Amino acid sequence: MTDNHICSNCGKRIFAWIMAKGSNAYNQVVEHRKRSLFSNLQGHVLEIGPGTGANLPFFPQNINWVGIEPNPYMHSYLQQSAKKLGFNNIDLRSGIAESINAEDNSMDAVISTLVLCSVTNLANTLEEVLRILKPGGHFLFLEHVAAPQGTLLRSIQSGVRPLWKIIGDGCHPDREIWTALENAGFTKVNYEHFRAPYPIVSPHIIGMAIK
């Protein structure tokens, strides 16, 4: 095993621990938005990058939930959270968002929160979301995004990106995610911008896209 592989595993383990400890604080900030966004979930639901299970408290327990999580060190935290909340039939799978282990037209909804910033190929990820959604299915998202062009914050985001990607498990703080959503091929995309009390990743979007 190479030193780089060992270092990568340590980074993923530490990031999982940070996410597990910090999810509650973030959820307190966006709780009302998440409750509204997920209020009508039903049927077969797939979440990309569920991490340590930060969204589980906002989901109805009667959905058929599938999670695609590439960081194996997140899994135990999520399983503990699911057990505590009474989710007894979760289907947690390893994998990446650019190649989702799910059949075509099989999901009523796909969920992404704070994930599209870190995928390797955003366009391919959205193609996969469209592939697995049923016709008329919903893609629900809450993401931090790039600040407006020409602002000081945008310059800072771009400047810190190389280091941010290392400490944030691949996170790009200056991605214009809303543009990718508008160009992905959904029949309808609705979202709003809002600000969260966090440096670097303050600009957020929340919304829904329909296949």
Protein backbone atom coordinates (compact mmCIF):
# COMPACT_ATOMS: atom_id res chain seq x y z
CA MET A 1 0.00 0.00 0.00
CA THR A 2 1.47 3.36 -1.05
CA ASP A 3 1.89 6.36 1.20
CA ASN A 4 -0.55 8.30 -1.02
CA HIS A 5 -3.22 5.61 -0.55
CA ILE A 6 -2.72 5.62 3.22
CA CYS A 7 -2.94 9.42 3.27
CA SER A 8 -6.13 9.34 1.16
CA ASN A 9 -7.77 6.83 3.49
CA CYS A 10 -6.84 8.92 6.52
CA GLY A 11 -8.33 11.98 4.85
CA LYS A 12 -11.59 10.19 4.10
CA ARG A 13 -11.79 8.85 7.63
CA ILE A 14 -11.23 12.30 9.13
CA PHE A 15 -13.72 13.91 6.74
CA ALA A 16 -16.36 11.35 7.73
CA TRP A 17 -15.78 12.15 11.41
CA ILE A 18 -16.05 15.89 10.74
CA MET A 19 -19.30 15.40 8.81
CA ALA A 20 -20.74 13.24 11.58
CA LYS A 21 -19.94 15.86 14.21
CA GLY A 22 -20.95 18.89 12.14
CA SER A 23 -24.20 17.74 10.53
CA ASN A 24 -26.44 18.78 13.41
CA ALA A 25 -25.15 22.35 13.41
CA TYR A 26 -25.72 22.70 9.67
CA ASN A 27 -29.17 21.11 9.89
CA GLN A 28 -30.19 23.68 12.47
CA VAL A 29 -29.42 26.42 9.95
CA VAL A 30 -31.33 24.86 7.04
CA GLU A 31 -33.90 22.78 8.92
CA HIS A 32 -36.96 24.66 7.68
CA ARG A 33 -35.71 24.50 4.11
CA LYS A 34 -35.05 20.76 4.26
CA ARG A 35 -38.44 20.03 5.82
CA SER A 36 -40.14 21.89 3.00
CA LEU A 37 -37.99 20.34 0.27
CA PHE A 38 -38.56 16.76 1.43
CA SER A 39 -42.16 17.10 2.62
CA ASN A 40 -43.71 15.18 -0.30
CA LEU A 41 -41.23 12.34 -0.68
CA GLN A 42 -42.74 8.97 -1.49
CA GLY A 43 -42.01 5.73 -3.29
CA HIS A 44 -38.50 4.85 -4.45
CA VAL A 45 -35.95 7.48 -3.43
CA LEU A 46 -32.22 7.46 -4.16
CA GLU A 47 -29.81 9.80 -2.39
CA ILE A 48 -26.39 10.42 -3.87
CA GLY A 49 -23.68 11.06 -1.33
CA PRO A 50 -25.83 10.67 1.81
CA GLY A 51 -22.68 10.90 3.94
CA THR A 52 -23.39 10.23 7.60
CA GLY A 53 -27.17 10.41 7.20
CA ALA A 54 -27.75 14.11 7.81
CA ASN A 55 -30.98 14.10 5.77
CA LEU A 56 -32.57 11.01 7.33
CA PRO A 57 -34.39 12.97 10.09
CA PHE A 58 -36.35 14.81 7.39
CA PHE A 59 -37.49 11.75 5.41
CA PRO A 60 -40.75 9.82 5.91
CA GLN A 61 -39.98 6.29 7.09
CA ASN A 62 -42.25 4.61 4.53
CA ILE A 63 -40.07 5.48 1.52
CA ASN A 64 -37.87 2.88 -0.17
CA TRP A 65 -34.51 4.56 0.37
CA VAL A 66 -31.30 3.78 -1.51
CA GLY A 67 -28.03 5.58 -0.74
CA ILE A 68 -24.96 5.74 -2.98
CA GLU A 69 -21.97 6.70 -0.82
CA PRO A 70 -18.37 6.47 -2.11
CA ASN A 71 -16.66 7.11 1.24
CA PRO A 72 -16.75 3.80 3.17
CA TYR A 73 -15.98 5.57 6.44
CA MET A 74 -19.36 7.31 6.25
CA HIS A 75 -21.30 4.04 6.22
CA SER A 76 -21.14 3.15 9.91
CA TYR A 77 -22.25 6.65 10.96
CA LEU A 78 -25.21 6.50 8.55
CA GLN A 79 -26.24 3.04 9.68
CA GLN A 80 -26.16 4.15 13.32
CA SER A 81 -28.30 7.19 12.49
CA ALA A 82 -30.78 5.08 10.52
CA LYS A 83 -31.15 2.62 13.40
CA LYS A 84 -31.69 5.44 15.89
CA LEU A 85 -34.39 6.99 13.68
CA GLY A 86 -36.18 3.70 13.02
CA PHE A 87 -35.19 3.20 9.38
CA ASN A 88 -34.93 -0.57 9.27
CA ASN A 89 -34.80 -1.20 5.52
CA ILE A 90 -32.18 1.17 4.16
CA ASP A 91 -30.21 0.07 1.11
CA LEU A 92 -26.76 1.63 1.41
CA ARG A 93 -24.44 0.97 -1.52
CA SER A 94 -20.88 1.91 -2.39
CA GLY A 95 -20.41 3.78 -5.64
CA ILE A 96 -20.05 7.14 -7.30
CA ALA A 97 -22.60 9.60 -8.62
CA GLU A 98 -21.16 9.47 -12.14
CA SER A 99 -22.07 5.76 -12.39
CA ILE A 100 -25.08 5.01 -10.21
CA ASN A 101 -25.94 1.40 -9.45
CA ALA A 102 -29.65 1.66 -10.26
CA GLU A 103 -31.88 0.74 -13.19
CA ASP A 104 -33.18 3.17 -15.79
CA ASN A 105 -36.46 4.94 -14.93
CA SER A 106 -36.57 3.31 -11.49
CA MET A 107 -36.69 6.20 -9.02
CA ASP A 108 -39.50 8.54 -8.05
CA ALA A 109 -37.01 11.01 -6.61
CA VAL A 110 -33.27 11.58 -6.43
CA ILE A 111 -31.74 13.73 -3.69
CA SER A 112 -28.46 15.64 -3.51
CA THR A 113 -27.39 17.93 -0.69
CA LEU A 114 -23.87 19.37 -0.62
CA VAL A 115 -22.72 16.74 -3.13
CA LEU A 116 -22.59 18.32 -6.60
CA CYS A 117 -19.69 20.50 -5.49
CA SER A 118 -17.44 17.46 -5.15
CA VAL A 119 -18.35 15.07 -7.95
CA THR A 120 -15.60 14.56 -10.49
CA ASN A 121 -17.85 15.16 -13.51
CA LEU A 122 -20.96 17.24 -12.85
CA ALA A 123 -22.47 16.79 -16.33
CA ASN A 124 -22.15 12.99 -16.13
CA THR A 125 -23.70 12.99 -12.67
CA LEU A 126 -26.77 14.87 -13.87
CA GLU A 127 -27.04 12.51 -16.86
CA GLU A 128 -27.15 9.62 -14.38
CA VAL A 129 -29.82 11.37 -12.32
CA LEU A 130 -31.96 11.76 -15.43
CA ARG A 131 -31.34 8.14 -16.44
CA ILE A 132 -32.58 6.62 -13.18
CA LEU A 133 -35.53 8.98 -12.61
CA LYS A 134 -38.96 7.88 -13.75
CA PRO A 135 -40.64 10.21 -16.27
CA GLY A 136 -41.95 13.08 -14.20
CA GLY A 137 -39.64 12.15 -11.32
CA HIS A 138 -38.12 14.86 -9.12
CA PHE A 139 -34.50 15.76 -8.47
CA LEU A 140 -34.32 17.62 -5.14
CA PHE A 141 -31.16 19.55 -4.37
CA LEU A 142 -29.59 21.85 -1.80
CA GLU A 143 -26.06 22.89 -2.72
CA HIS A 144 -23.50 25.57 -2.00
CA VAL A 145 -22.45 27.37 -5.17
CA ALA A 146 -20.14 29.99 -6.63
CA ALA A 147 -20.53 33.60 -5.59
CA PRO A 148 -21.39 36.06 -8.39
CA GLN A 149 -18.69 36.80 -10.94
CA GLY A 150 -16.59 39.84 -10.10
CA THR A 151 -17.17 39.72 -6.34
CA LEU A 152 -14.43 39.46 -3.74
CA LEU A 153 -15.93 36.20 -2.46
CA ARG A 154 -15.76 34.65 -5.93
CA SER A 155 -12.06 35.56 -6.15
CA ILE A 156 -11.45 34.02 -2.74
CA GLN A 157 -13.36 30.86 -3.70
CA SER A 158 -11.28 30.41 -6.84
CA GLY A 159 -8.05 31.18 -4.99
CA VAL A 160 -8.59 28.63 -2.24
CA ARG A 161 -10.01 25.93 -4.53
CA PRO A 162 -6.82 23.76 -4.71
CA LEU A 163 -6.51 23.58 -0.92
CA TRP A 164 -10.28 23.39 -0.40
CA LYS A 165 -10.49 20.32 -2.62
CA ILE A 166 -7.98 18.57 -0.36
CA ILE A 167 -9.57 19.42 2.98
CA GLY A 168 -13.13 19.10 1.63
CA ASP A 169 -12.86 15.69 -0.06
CA GLY A 170 -12.93 17.10 -3.59
CA CYS A 171 -15.18 20.11 -2.94
CA HIS A 172 -15.12 22.94 -5.51
CA PRO A 173 -16.34 26.13 -3.78
CA ASP A 174 -16.74 28.07 -7.04
CA ARG A 175 -18.97 25.80 -9.15
CA GLU A 176 -21.92 27.41 -10.95
CA ILE A 177 -24.12 24.40 -10.27
CA TRP A 178 -27.33 26.17 -11.29
CA THR A 179 -25.98 26.58 -14.83
CA ALA A 180 -25.27 22.85 -15.11
CA LEU A 181 -28.79 22.08 -13.87
CA GLU A 182 -30.34 24.40 -16.44
CA ASN A 183 -28.36 22.74 -19.24
CA ALA A 184 -28.76 19.12 -18.14
CA GLY A 185 -31.99 18.35 -20.04
CA PHE A 186 -34.64 18.45 -17.31
CA THR A 187 -38.09 19.52 -18.47
CA LYS A 188 -38.32 22.04 -15.64
CA VAL A 189 -35.85 23.48 -13.11
CA ASN A 190 -36.91 25.67 -10.18
CA TYR A 191 -34.50 27.00 -7.56
CA GLU A 192 -33.73 29.95 -5.36
CA HIS A 193 -30.49 31.40 -4.05
CA PHE A 194 -29.97 32.02 -0.36
CA ARG A 195 -27.08 32.74 1.96
CA ALA A 196 -25.89 30.58 4.84
CA PRO A 197 -23.68 31.80 7.72
CA TYR A 198 -20.52 30.03 6.53
CA PRO A 199 -17.38 31.57 5.04
CA ILE A 200 -16.36 30.57 1.51
CA VAL A 201 -19.52 28.46 0.96
CA SER A 202 -22.13 31.02 1.96
CA PRO A 203 -24.04 31.16 -1.36
CA HIS A 204 -26.51 28.27 -1.65
CA ILE A 205 -29.25 27.15 -3.99
CA ILE A 206 -32.25 24.97 -3.17
CA GLY A 207 -34.84 23.62 -5.53
CA MET A 208 -36.28 20.89 -7.70
CA ALA A 209 -35.80 19.68 -11.27
CA ILE A 210 -38.33 17.49 -13.06
CA LYS A 211 -37.48 14.86 -15.67
